Amino acid sequence: MLLNIEAFMPTYNNFIAKIFADELGTSKLPLDFGAGIGTLSQKFVKKTGVKPICIEIDNKNKGYLLERKIRDFDDI
């Protein structure tokens, strides 16, 4: 499901990542609660070079994050 959203909503995902990149810039470290498969975190990194801290509890989603080399945590 999340892969479909990622594939079919690139404009929306880019828009959301741009909002956060413009607001946070490179001076703040974002926390991505419910990071899912890392779609927005990946786009944020591409725009800023800053890797967010990702929180994700779903094991399937955590597998995608691991494949994408996005570090995640179960909780804060």
PDB file of N, CA and C in Angstrom:
ATOM      1  N   MET A   1       0.816  -1.195   0.000  1.00  0.00           N
ATOM      2  CA  MET A   1       0.000   0.000   0.000  1.00  0.00           C
ATOM      3  C   MET A   1       0.866   1.268   0.000  1.00  0.00           C
ATOM      4  N   LEU A   2       1.833   1.337   0.917  1.00  0.00           N
ATOM      5  CA  LEU A   2       2.677   2.535   0.974  1.00  0.00           C
ATOM      6  C   LEU A   2       3.535   2.674  -0.279  1.00  0.00           C
ATOM      7  N   LEU A   3       3.929   1.551  -0.858  1.00  0.00           N
ATOM      8  CA  LEU A   3       4.699   1.617  -2.106  1.00  0.00           C
ATOM      9  C   LEU A   3       3.849   2.204  -3.224  1.00  0.00           C
ATOM     10  N   ASN A   4       2.554   1.872  -3.237  1.00  0.00           N
ATOM     11  CA  ASN A   4       1.646   2.451  -4.238  1.00  0.00           C
ATOM     12  C   ASN A   4       1.508   3.955  -4.048  1.00  0.00           C
ATOM     13  N   ILE A   5       1.357   4.372  -2.814  1.00  0.00           N
ATOM     14  CA  ILE A   5       1.247   5.807  -2.526  1.00  0.00           C
ATOM     15  C   ILE A   5       2.522   6.515  -2.963  1.00  0.00           C
ATOM     16  N   GLU A   6       3.660   5.918  -2.662  1.00  0.00           N
ATOM     17  CA  GLU A   6       4.941   6.501  -3.047  1.00  0.00           C
ATOM     18  C   GLU A   6       5.029   6.626  -4.570  1.00  0.00           C
ATOM     19  N   ALA A   7       4.608   5.591  -5.279  1.00  0.00           N
ATOM     20  CA  ALA A   7       4.719   5.567  -6.738  1.00  0.00           C
ATOM     21  C   ALA A   7       3.751   6.518  -7.423  1.00  0.00           C
ATOM     22  N   PHE A   8       2.556   6.646  -6.884  1.00  0.00           N
ATOM     23  CA  PHE A   8       1.518   7.413  -7.575  1.00  0.00           C
ATOM     24  C   PHE A   8       1.324   8.831  -7.060  1.00  0.00           C
ATOM     25  N   MET A   9       2.083   9.218  -6.035  1.00  0.00           N
ATOM     26  CA  MET A   9       1.922  10.563  -5.479  1.00  0.00           C
ATOM     27  C   MET A   9       3.243  11.307  -5.366  1.00  0.00           C
ATOM     28  N   PRO A  10       4.107  11.245  -6.363  1.00  0.00           N
ATOM     29  CA  PRO A  10       5.415  11.902  -6.219  1.00  0.00           C
ATOM     30  C   PRO A  10       5.316  13.411  -6.054  1.00  0.00           C
ATOM     31  N   THR A  11       4.368  14.053  -6.730  1.00  0.00           N
ATOM     32  CA  THR A  11       4.238  15.507  -6.618  1.00  0.00           C
ATOM     33  C   THR A  11       3.849  15.901  -5.200  1.00  0.00           C
ATOM     34  N   TYR A  12       2.898  15.190  -4.636  1.00  0.00           N
ATOM     35  CA  TYR A  12       2.458  15.470  -3.265  1.00  0.00           C
ATOM     36  C   TYR A  12       3.603  15.239  -2.277  1.00  0.00           C
ATOM     37  N   ASN A  13       4.282  14.095  -2.407  1.00  0.00           N
ATOM     38  CA  ASN A  13       5.385  13.781  -1.495  1.00  0.00           C
ATOM     39  C   ASN A  13       6.501  14.816  -1.590  1.00  0.00           C
ATOM     40  N   ASN A  14       6.820  15.251  -2.793  1.00  0.00           N
ATOM     41  CA  ASN A  14       7.831  16.299  -2.966  1.00  0.00           C
ATOM     42  C   ASN A  14       7.382  17.600  -2.324  1.00  0.00           C
ATOM     43  N   PHE A  15       6.100  17.927  -2.462  1.00  0.00           N
ATOM     44  CA  PHE A  15       5.543  19.144  -1.873  1.00  0.00           C
ATOM     45  C   PHE A  15       5.676  19.120  -0.346  1.00  0.00           C
ATOM     46  N   ILE A  16       5.309  17.997   0.264  1.00  0.00           N
ATOM     47  CA  ILE A  16       5.391  17.883   1.721  1.00  0.00           C
ATOM     48  C   ILE A  16       6.845  17.976   2.182  1.00  0.00           C
ATOM     49  N   ALA A  17       7.740  17.271   1.506  1.00  0.00           N
ATOM     50  CA  ALA A  17       9.153  17.313   1.877  1.00  0.00           C
ATOM     51  C   ALA A  17       9.715  18.722   1.723  1.00  0.00           C
ATOM     52  N   LYS A  18       9.277  19.443   0.696  1.00  0.00           N
ATOM     53  CA  LYS A  18       9.745  20.819   0.481  1.00  0.00           C
ATOM     54  C   LYS A  18       9.288  21.739   1.611  1.00  0.00           C
ATOM     55  N   ILE A  19       8.069  21.572   2.055  1.00  0.00           N
ATOM     56  CA  ILE A  19       7.569  22.386   3.173  1.00  0.00           C
ATOM     57  C   ILE A  19       8.476  22.212   4.393  1.00  0.00           C
ATOM     58  N   PHE A  20       8.773  20.962   4.721  1.00  0.00           N
ATOM     59  CA  PHE A  20       9.630  20.706   5.884  1.00  0.00           C
ATOM     60  C   PHE A  20      11.049  21.190   5.649  1.00  0.00           C
ATOM     61  N   ALA A  21      11.562  20.990   4.455  1.00  0.00           N
ATOM     62  CA  ALA A  21      12.926  21.446   4.148  1.00  0.00           C
ATOM     63  C   ALA A  21      13.017  22.965   4.243  1.00  0.00           C
ATOM     64  N   ASP A  22      12.014  23.667   3.723  1.00  0.00           N
ATOM     65  CA  ASP A  22      12.012  25.130   3.783  1.00  0.00           C
ATOM     66  C   ASP A  22      11.900  25.625   5.226  1.00  0.00           C
ATOM     67  N   GLU A  23      11.097  24.939   6.026  1.00  0.00           N
ATOM     68  CA  GLU A  23      10.878  25.354   7.407  1.00  0.00           C
ATOM     69  C   GLU A  23      12.079  25.028   8.304  1.00  0.00           C
ATOM     70  N   LEU A  24      12.620  23.830   8.143  1.00  0.00           N
ATOM     71  CA  LEU A  24      13.686  23.377   9.037  1.00  0.00           C
ATOM     72  C   LEU A  24      15.079  23.662   8.515  1.00  0.00           C
ATOM     73  N   GLY A  25      15.228  23.701   7.203  1.00  0.00           N
ATOM     74  CA  GLY A  25      16.551  23.908   6.627  1.00  0.00           C
ATOM     75  C   GLY A  25      17.502  22.809   7.053  1.00  0.00           C
ATOM     76  N   THR A  26      18.750  23.175   7.270  1.00  0.00           N
ATOM     77  CA  THR A  26      19.741  22.189   7.695  1.00  0.00           C
ATOM     78  C   THR A  26      20.164  22.395   9.144  1.00  0.00           C
ATOM     79  N   SER A  27      19.541  23.353   9.805  1.00  0.00           N
ATOM     80  CA  SER A  27      19.953  23.672  11.174  1.00  0.00           C
ATOM     81  C   SER A  27      19.203  22.868  12.230  1.00  0.00           C
ATOM     82  N   LYS A  28      18.146  22.162  11.835  1.00  0.00           N
ATOM     83  CA  LYS A  28      17.357  21.403  12.802  1.00  0.00           C
ATOM     84  C   LYS A  28      17.241  19.956  12.338  1.00  0.00           C
ATOM     85  N   LEU A  29      17.198  19.055  13.288  1.00  0.00           N
ATOM     86  CA  LEU A  29      17.093  17.635  12.997  1.00  0.00           C
ATOM     87  C   LEU A  29      15.639  17.196  13.158  1.00  0.00           C
ATOM     88  N   PRO A  30      14.972  16.814  12.068  1.00  0.00           N
ATOM     89  CA  PRO A  30      13.566  16.425  12.175  1.00  0.00           C
ATOM     90  C   PRO A  30      13.388  15.021  12.750  1.00  0.00           C
ATOM     91  N   LEU A  31      12.253  14.817  13.362  1.00  0.00           N
ATOM     92  CA  LEU A  31      11.850  13.533  13.900  1.00  0.00           C
ATOM     93  C   LEU A  31      10.639  13.072  13.107  1.00  0.00           C
ATOM     94  N   ASP A  32      10.745  11.940  12.431  1.00  0.00           N
ATOM     95  CA  ASP A  32       9.671  11.430  11.578  1.00  0.00           C
ATOM     96  C   ASP A  32       8.948  10.299  12.308  1.00  0.00           C
ATOM     97  N   PHE A  33       7.852  10.667  13.029  1.00  0.00           N
ATOM     98  CA  PHE A  33       7.036   9.664  13.713  1.00  0.00           C
ATOM     99  C   PHE A  33       6.187   8.934  12.695  1.00  0.00           C
ATOM    100  N   GLY A  34       6.143   7.614  12.788  1.00  0.00           N
ATOM    101  CA  GLY A  34       5.381   6.840  11.818  1.00  0.00           C
ATOM    102  C   GLY A  34       6.002   6.985  10.443  1.00  0.00           C
ATOM    103  N   ALA A  35       7.296   6.735  10.366  1.00  0.00           N
ATOM    104  CA  ALA A  35       8.060   6.976   9.141  1.00  0.00           C
ATOM    105  C   ALA A  35       7.618   6.106   7.973  1.00  0.00           C
ATOM    106  N   GLY A  36       6.852   5.069   8.248  1.00  0.00           N
ATOM    107  CA  GLY A  36       6.392   4.204   7.168  1.00  0.00           C
ATOM    108  C   GLY A  36       7.569   3.545   6.474  1.00  0.00           C
ATOM    109  N   ILE A  37       7.638   3.699   5.164  1.00  0.00           N
ATOM    110  CA  ILE A  37       8.727   3.107   4.384  1.00  0.00           C
ATOM    111  C   ILE A  37       9.815   4.138   4.069  1.00  0.00           C
ATOM    112  N   GLY A  38       9.692   5.320   4.647  1.00  0.00           N
ATOM    113  CA  GLY A  38      10.747   6.321   4.524  1.00  0.00           C
ATOM    114  C   GLY A  38      10.632   7.260   3.332  1.00  0.00           C
ATOM    115  N   THR A  39       9.490   7.293   2.698  1.00  0.00           N
ATOM    116  CA  THR A  39       9.314   8.123   1.499  1.00  0.00           C
ATOM    117  C   THR A  39       9.662   9.582   1.759  1.00  0.00           C
ATOM    118  N   LEU A  40       9.043  10.176   2.765  1.00  0.00           N
ATOM    119  CA  LEU A  40       9.271  11.604   3.029  1.00  0.00           C
ATOM    120  C   LEU A  40      10.670  11.850   3.581  1.00  0.00           C
ATOM    121  N   SER A  41      11.168  10.927   4.380  1.00  0.00           N
ATOM    122  CA  SER A  41      12.523  11.080   4.910  1.00  0.00           C
ATOM    123  C   SER A  41      13.554  11.075   3.786  1.00  0.00           C
ATOM    124  N   GLN A  42      13.385  10.175   2.813  1.00  0.00           N
ATOM    125  CA  GLN A  42      14.307  10.134   1.669  1.00  0.00           C
ATOM    126  C   GLN A  42      14.281  11.448   0.901  1.00  0.00           C
ATOM    127  N   LYS A  43      13.107  11.973   0.675  1.00  0.00           N
ATOM    128  CA  LYS A  43      12.987  13.227  -0.074  1.00  0.00           C
ATOM    129  C   LYS A  43      13.579  14.387   0.723  1.00  0.00           C
ATOM    130  N   PHE A  44      13.399  14.373   2.041  1.00  0.00           N
ATOM    131  CA  PHE A  44      13.976  15.413   2.883  1.00  0.00           C
ATOM    132  C   PHE A  44      15.502  15.383   2.803  1.00  0.00           C
ATOM    133  N   VAL A  45      16.075  14.183   2.846  1.00  0.00           N
ATOM    134  CA  VAL A  45      17.532  14.040   2.750  1.00  0.00           C
ATOM    135  C   VAL A  45      18.033  14.583   1.418  1.00  0.00           C
ATOM    136  N   LYS A  46      17.327  14.287   0.341  1.00  0.00           N
ATOM    137  CA  LYS A  46      17.742  14.772  -0.984  1.00  0.00           C
ATOM    138  C   LYS A  46      17.720  16.295  -1.053  1.00  0.00           C
ATOM    139  N   LYS A  47      16.770  16.910  -0.357  1.00  0.00           N
ATOM    140  CA  LYS A  47      16.639  18.362  -0.405  1.00  0.00           C
ATOM    141  C   LYS A  47      17.608  19.078   0.533  1.00  0.00           C
ATOM    142  N   THR A  48      17.964  18.430   1.663  1.00  0.00           N
ATOM    143  CA  THR A  48      18.746  19.132   2.681  1.00  0.00           C
ATOM    144  C   THR A  48      20.076  18.470   3.033  1.00  0.00           C
ATOM    145  N   GLY A  49      20.209  17.193   2.768  1.00  0.00           N
ATOM    146  CA  GLY A  49      21.392  16.461   3.208  1.00  0.00           C
ATOM    147  C   GLY A  49      21.318  16.036   4.663  1.00  0.00           C
ATOM    148  N   VAL A  50      20.211  16.345   5.340  1.00  0.00           N
ATOM    149  CA  VAL A  50      20.018  16.013   6.749  1.00  0.00           C
ATOM    150  C   VAL A  50      19.170  14.746   6.849  1.00  0.00           C
ATOM    151  N   LYS A  51      19.647  13.760   7.617  1.00  0.00           N
ATOM    152  CA  LYS A  51      18.900  12.519   7.807  1.00  0.00           C
ATOM    153  C   LYS A  51      18.015  12.635   9.039  1.00  0.00           C
ATOM    154  N   PRO A  52      16.698  12.556   8.871  1.00  0.00           N
ATOM    155  CA  PRO A  52      15.801  12.621  10.018  1.00  0.00           C
ATOM    156  C   PRO A  52      15.964  11.407  10.931  1.00  0.00           C
ATOM    157  N   ILE A  53      15.559  11.561  12.166  1.00  0.00           N
ATOM    158  CA  ILE A  53      15.432  10.432  13.080  1.00  0.00           C
ATOM    159  C   ILE A  53      14.049   9.845  12.820  1.00  0.00           C
ATOM    160  N   CYS A  54      13.997   8.569  12.482  1.00  0.00           N
ATOM    161  CA  CYS A  54      12.729   7.930  12.138  1.00  0.00           C
ATOM    162  C   CYS A  54      12.264   7.007  13.260  1.00  0.00           C
ATOM    163  N   ILE A  55      10.977   7.113  13.572  1.00  0.00           N
ATOM    164  CA  ILE A  55      10.339   6.242  14.541  1.00  0.00           C
ATOM    165  C   ILE A  55       9.292   5.428  13.785  1.00  0.00           C
ATOM    166  N   GLU A  56       9.424   4.104  13.830  1.00  0.00           N
ATOM    167  CA  GLU A  56       8.472   3.216  13.147  1.00  0.00           C
ATOM    168  C   GLU A  56       8.394   1.920  13.941  1.00  0.00           C
ATOM    169  N   ILE A  57       7.167   1.444  14.211  1.00  0.00           N
ATOM    170  CA  ILE A  57       7.002   0.226  14.989  1.00  0.00           C
ATOM    171  C   ILE A  57       6.599  -0.981  14.137  1.00  0.00           C
ATOM    172  N   ASP A  58       6.103  -0.753  12.943  1.00  0.00           N
ATOM    173  CA  ASP A  58       5.665  -1.850  12.086  1.00  0.00           C
ATOM    174  C   ASP A  58       6.879  -2.590  11.503  1.00  0.00           C
ATOM    175  N   ASN A  59       6.960  -3.885  11.742  1.00  0.00           N
ATOM    176  CA  ASN A  59       8.125  -4.661  11.307  1.00  0.00           C
ATOM    177  C   ASN A  59       8.289  -4.685   9.793  1.00  0.00           C
ATOM    178  N   LYS A  60       7.191  -4.768   9.064  1.00  0.00           N
ATOM    179  CA  LYS A  60       7.292  -4.765   7.595  1.00  0.00           C
ATOM    180  C   LYS A  60       7.876  -3.438   7.107  1.00  0.00           C
ATOM    181  N   ASN A  61       7.373  -2.348   7.637  1.00  0.00           N
ATOM    182  CA  ASN A  61       7.896  -1.030   7.264  1.00  0.00           C
ATOM    183  C   ASN A  61       9.348  -0.874   7.679  1.00  0.00           C
ATOM    184  N   LYS A  62       9.695  -1.409   8.862  1.00  0.00           N
ATOM    185  CA  LYS A  62      11.078  -1.338   9.328  1.00  0.00           C
ATOM    186  C   LYS A  62      12.009  -2.059   8.349  1.00  0.00           C
ATOM    187  N   GLY A  63      11.512  -3.126   7.719  1.00  0.00           N
ATOM    188  CA  GLY A  63      12.295  -3.835   6.712  1.00  0.00           C
ATOM    189  C   GLY A  63      12.621  -2.946   5.522  1.00  0.00           C
ATOM    190  N   TYR A  64      11.631  -2.165   5.076  1.00  0.00           N
ATOM    191  CA  TYR A  64      11.874  -1.224   3.976  1.00  0.00           C
ATOM    192  C   TYR A  64      12.884  -0.155   4.387  1.00  0.00           C
ATOM    193  N   LEU A  65      12.755   0.343   5.607  1.00  0.00           N
ATOM    194  CA  LEU A  65      13.698   1.357   6.084  1.00  0.00           C
ATOM    195  C   LEU A  65      15.116   0.802   6.114  1.00  0.00           C
ATOM    196  N   LEU A  66      15.259  -0.436   6.550  1.00  0.00           N
ATOM    197  CA  LEU A  66      16.573  -1.074   6.590  1.00  0.00           C
ATOM    198  C   LEU A  66      17.154  -1.210   5.178  1.00  0.00           C
ATOM    199  N   GLU A  67      16.318  -1.661   4.229  1.00  0.00           N
ATOM    200  CA  GLU A  67      16.756  -1.780   2.833  1.00  0.00           C
ATOM    201  C   GLU A  67      17.201  -0.435   2.269  1.00  0.00           C
ATOM    202  N   ARG A  68      16.536   0.620   2.681  1.00  0.00           N
ATOM    203  CA  ARG A  68      16.826   1.964   2.180  1.00  0.00           C
ATOM    204  C   ARG A  68      17.913   2.654   2.987  1.00  0.00           C
ATOM    205  N   LYS A  69      18.481   1.928   3.930  1.00  0.00           N
ATOM    206  CA  LYS A  69      19.566   2.448   4.778  1.00  0.00           C
ATOM    207  C   LYS A  69      19.139   3.683   5.575  1.00  0.00           C
ATOM    208  N   ILE A  70      17.884   3.640   6.028  1.00  0.00           N
ATOM    209  CA  ILE A  70      17.353   4.701   6.884  1.00  0.00           C
ATOM    210  C   ILE A  70      17.314   4.144   8.301  1.00  0.00           C
ATOM    211  N   ARG A  71      18.030   4.782   9.190  1.00  0.00           N
ATOM    212  CA  ARG A  71      18.083   4.329  10.583  1.00  0.00           C
ATOM    213  C   ARG A  71      16.764   4.651  11.261  1.00  0.00           C
ATOM    214  N   ASP A  72      16.228   3.666  11.989  1.00  0.00           N
ATOM    215  CA  ASP A  72      14.955   3.917  12.663  1.00  0.00           C
ATOM    216  C   ASP A  72      14.999   3.345  14.072  1.00  0.00           C
ATOM    217  N   PHE A  73      14.038   3.782  14.859  1.00  0.00           N
ATOM    218  CA  PHE A  73      13.909   3.356  16.246  1.00  0.00           C
ATOM    219  C   PHE A  73      12.468   2.941  16.493  1.00  0.00           C
ATOM    220  N   ASP A  74      12.274   2.087  17.514  1.00  0.00           N
ATOM    221  CA  ASP A  74      10.918   1.652  17.894  1.00  0.00           C
ATOM    222  C   ASP A  74      10.196   2.711  18.712  1.00  0.00           C
ATOM    223  N   ASP A  75      10.952   3.501  19.439  1.00  0.00           N
ATOM    224  CA  ASP A  75      10.368   4.557  20.269  1.00  0.00           C
ATOM    225  C   ASP A  75      11.448   5.581  20.604  1.00  0.00           C
ATOM    226  N   ILE A  76      11.031   6.650  21.251  1.00  0.00           N
ATOM    227  CA  ILE A  76      11.993   7.686  21.601  1.00  0.00           C
ATOM    228  C   ILE A  76      12.531   7.459  22.999  1.00  0.00           C
TER     229      ILE A  76
END
